Amino acid sequence: MSGEERDERRGRSSYLDLLISTLMEHEKKMDSLVERLQKVAKDLSTIHEEDNSNTLIYMKIKTDHSIDEIVKIIESLKK
């Protein structure tokens, strides 16, 4: 094996080492992000389960109807 071939192999080996370490670091970060997303999903699920009918929802609606008409419409929707 000539010196040139050895240098080429050493270069490939260095490149592969760099690629492997980069991919391993990426995998660690991805695992961390997945864990965080799982926690957020669990927290959201818990919040959703705790949600009840006493929740206040605020909406701003532009309409040509009077307040009394809107109240009647909302009351009819509750039934």
C-alpha atoms as a PDB file:
ATOM      1  CA  MET A   1       0.000   0.000   0.000  1.00  0.00           C
ATOM      2  CA  SER A   2       1.430   3.335  -0.990  1.00  0.00           C
ATOM      3  CA  GLY A   3       1.557   6.421   1.188  1.00  0.00           C
ATOM      4  CA  GLU A   4      -1.069   8.072  -0.959  1.00  0.00           C
ATOM      5  CA  GLU A   5      -3.515   5.201  -0.376  1.00  0.00           C
ATOM      6  CA  ARG A   6      -2.841   5.350   3.380  1.00  0.00           C
ATOM      7  CA  ASP A   7      -3.548   9.096   3.416  1.00  0.00           C
ATOM      8  CA  GLU A   8      -6.763   8.524   1.492  1.00  0.00           C
ATOM      9  CA  ARG A   9      -7.868   5.806   3.947  1.00  0.00           C
ATOM     10  CA  ARG A  10      -6.956   8.014   6.899  1.00  0.00           C
ATOM     11  CA  GLY A  11      -8.997  10.840   5.351  1.00  0.00           C
ATOM     12  CA  ARG A  12     -12.006   8.565   4.878  1.00  0.00           C
ATOM     13  CA  SER A  13     -11.635   7.281   8.408  1.00  0.00           C
ATOM     14  CA  SER A  14     -11.528  10.825   9.794  1.00  0.00           C
ATOM     15  CA  TYR A  15     -14.568  11.777   7.743  1.00  0.00           C
ATOM     16  CA  LEU A  16     -16.497   8.723   8.962  1.00  0.00           C
ATOM     17  CA  ASP A  17     -15.526   9.462  12.577  1.00  0.00           C
ATOM     18  CA  LEU A  18     -16.796  13.020  12.183  1.00  0.00           C
ATOM     19  CA  LEU A  19     -20.010  11.807  10.541  1.00  0.00           C
ATOM     20  CA  ILE A  20     -20.632   9.241  13.279  1.00  0.00           C
ATOM     21  CA  SER A  21     -20.034  11.725  16.096  1.00  0.00           C
ATOM     22  CA  THR A  22     -22.282  14.298  14.398  1.00  0.00           C
ATOM     23  CA  LEU A  23     -25.066  11.752  13.953  1.00  0.00           C
ATOM     24  CA  MET A  24     -24.731  10.592  17.561  1.00  0.00           C
ATOM     25  CA  GLU A  25     -25.000  14.184  18.798  1.00  0.00           C
ATOM     26  CA  HIS A  26     -28.025  14.723  16.556  1.00  0.00           C
ATOM     27  CA  GLU A  27     -29.637  11.560  17.957  1.00  0.00           C
ATOM     28  CA  LYS A  28     -29.104  12.770  21.545  1.00  0.00           C
ATOM     29  CA  LYS A  29     -30.726  16.123  20.735  1.00  0.00           C
ATOM     30  CA  MET A  30     -33.629  14.423  18.971  1.00  0.00           C
ATOM     31  CA  ASP A  31     -34.172  12.119  21.970  1.00  0.00           C
ATOM     32  CA  SER A  32     -34.239  15.157  24.242  1.00  0.00           C
ATOM     33  CA  LEU A  33     -36.758  16.929  22.005  1.00  0.00           C
ATOM     34  CA  VAL A  34     -38.968  13.841  21.817  1.00  0.00           C
ATOM     35  CA  GLU A  35     -38.957  13.574  25.621  1.00  0.00           C
ATOM     36  CA  ARG A  36     -39.944  17.238  25.917  1.00  0.00           C
ATOM     37  CA  LEU A  37     -42.738  16.787  23.368  1.00  0.00           C
ATOM     38  CA  GLN A  38     -44.009  13.739  25.260  1.00  0.00           C
ATOM     39  CA  LYS A  39     -44.130  15.791  28.467  1.00  0.00           C
ATOM     40  CA  VAL A  40     -45.999  18.617  26.728  1.00  0.00           C
ATOM     41  CA  ALA A  41     -48.480  16.135  25.235  1.00  0.00           C
ATOM     42  CA  LYS A  42     -49.018  14.561  28.663  1.00  0.00           C
ATOM     43  CA  ASP A  43     -49.510  17.979  30.279  1.00  0.00           C
ATOM     44  CA  LEU A  44     -51.997  19.007  27.593  1.00  0.00           C
ATOM     45  CA  SER A  45     -53.863  15.746  28.045  1.00  0.00           C
ATOM     46  CA  THR A  46     -54.048  16.353  31.800  1.00  0.00           C
ATOM     47  CA  ILE A  47     -55.306  19.901  31.265  1.00  0.00           C
ATOM     48  CA  HIS A  48     -57.920  18.643  28.816  1.00  0.00           C
ATOM     49  CA  GLU A  49     -59.107  15.994  31.305  1.00  0.00           C
ATOM     50  CA  GLU A  50     -59.388  18.608  34.061  1.00  0.00           C
ATOM     51  CA  ASP A  51     -61.366  20.962  31.811  1.00  0.00           C
ATOM     52  CA  ASN A  52     -65.025  21.186  32.807  1.00  0.00           C
ATOM     53  CA  SER A  53     -68.173  23.056  31.854  1.00  0.00           C
ATOM     54  CA  ASN A  54     -67.292  25.999  34.127  1.00  0.00           C
ATOM     55  CA  THR A  55     -64.744  27.196  31.600  1.00  0.00           C
ATOM     56  CA  LEU A  56     -65.083  30.808  30.532  1.00  0.00           C
ATOM     57  CA  ILE A  57     -64.582  31.507  26.853  1.00  0.00           C
ATOM     58  CA  TYR A  58     -64.262  35.069  25.622  1.00  0.00           C
ATOM     59  CA  MET A  59     -65.106  35.843  22.029  1.00  0.00           C
ATOM     60  CA  LYS A  60     -65.367  39.148  20.274  1.00  0.00           C
ATOM     61  CA  ILE A  61     -67.921  39.025  17.482  1.00  0.00           C
ATOM     62  CA  LYS A  62     -68.885  41.800  15.106  1.00  0.00           C
ATOM     63  CA  THR A  63     -72.554  41.445  14.251  1.00  0.00           C
ATOM     64  CA  ASP A  64     -75.598  43.450  13.254  1.00  0.00           C
ATOM     65  CA  HIS A  65     -77.784  41.689  15.852  1.00  0.00           C
ATOM     66  CA  SER A  66     -78.719  43.253  19.157  1.00  0.00           C
ATOM     67  CA  ILE A  67     -77.307  41.926  22.412  1.00  0.00           C
ATOM     68  CA  ASP A  68     -80.713  40.477  23.351  1.00  0.00           C
ATOM     69  CA  GLU A  69     -80.867  38.524  20.106  1.00  0.00           C
ATOM     70  CA  ILE A  70     -77.360  37.171  20.595  1.00  0.00           C
ATOM     71  CA  VAL A  71     -78.183  36.115  24.168  1.00  0.00           C
ATOM     72  CA  LYS A  72     -81.295  34.274  22.896  1.00  0.00           C
ATOM     73  CA  ILE A  73     -79.213  32.525  20.226  1.00  0.00           C
ATOM     74  CA  ILE A  74     -76.600  31.448  22.765  1.00  0.00           C
ATOM     75  CA  GLU A  75     -79.268  30.235  25.175  1.00  0.00           C
ATOM     76  CA  SER A  76     -80.856  28.171  22.410  1.00  0.00           C
ATOM     77  CA  LEU A  77     -77.462  26.632  21.603  1.00  0.00           C
ATOM     78  CA  LYS A  78     -77.007  25.504  25.220  1.00  0.00           C
ATOM     79  CA  LYS A  79     -80.074  23.270  24.937  1.00  0.00           C
END
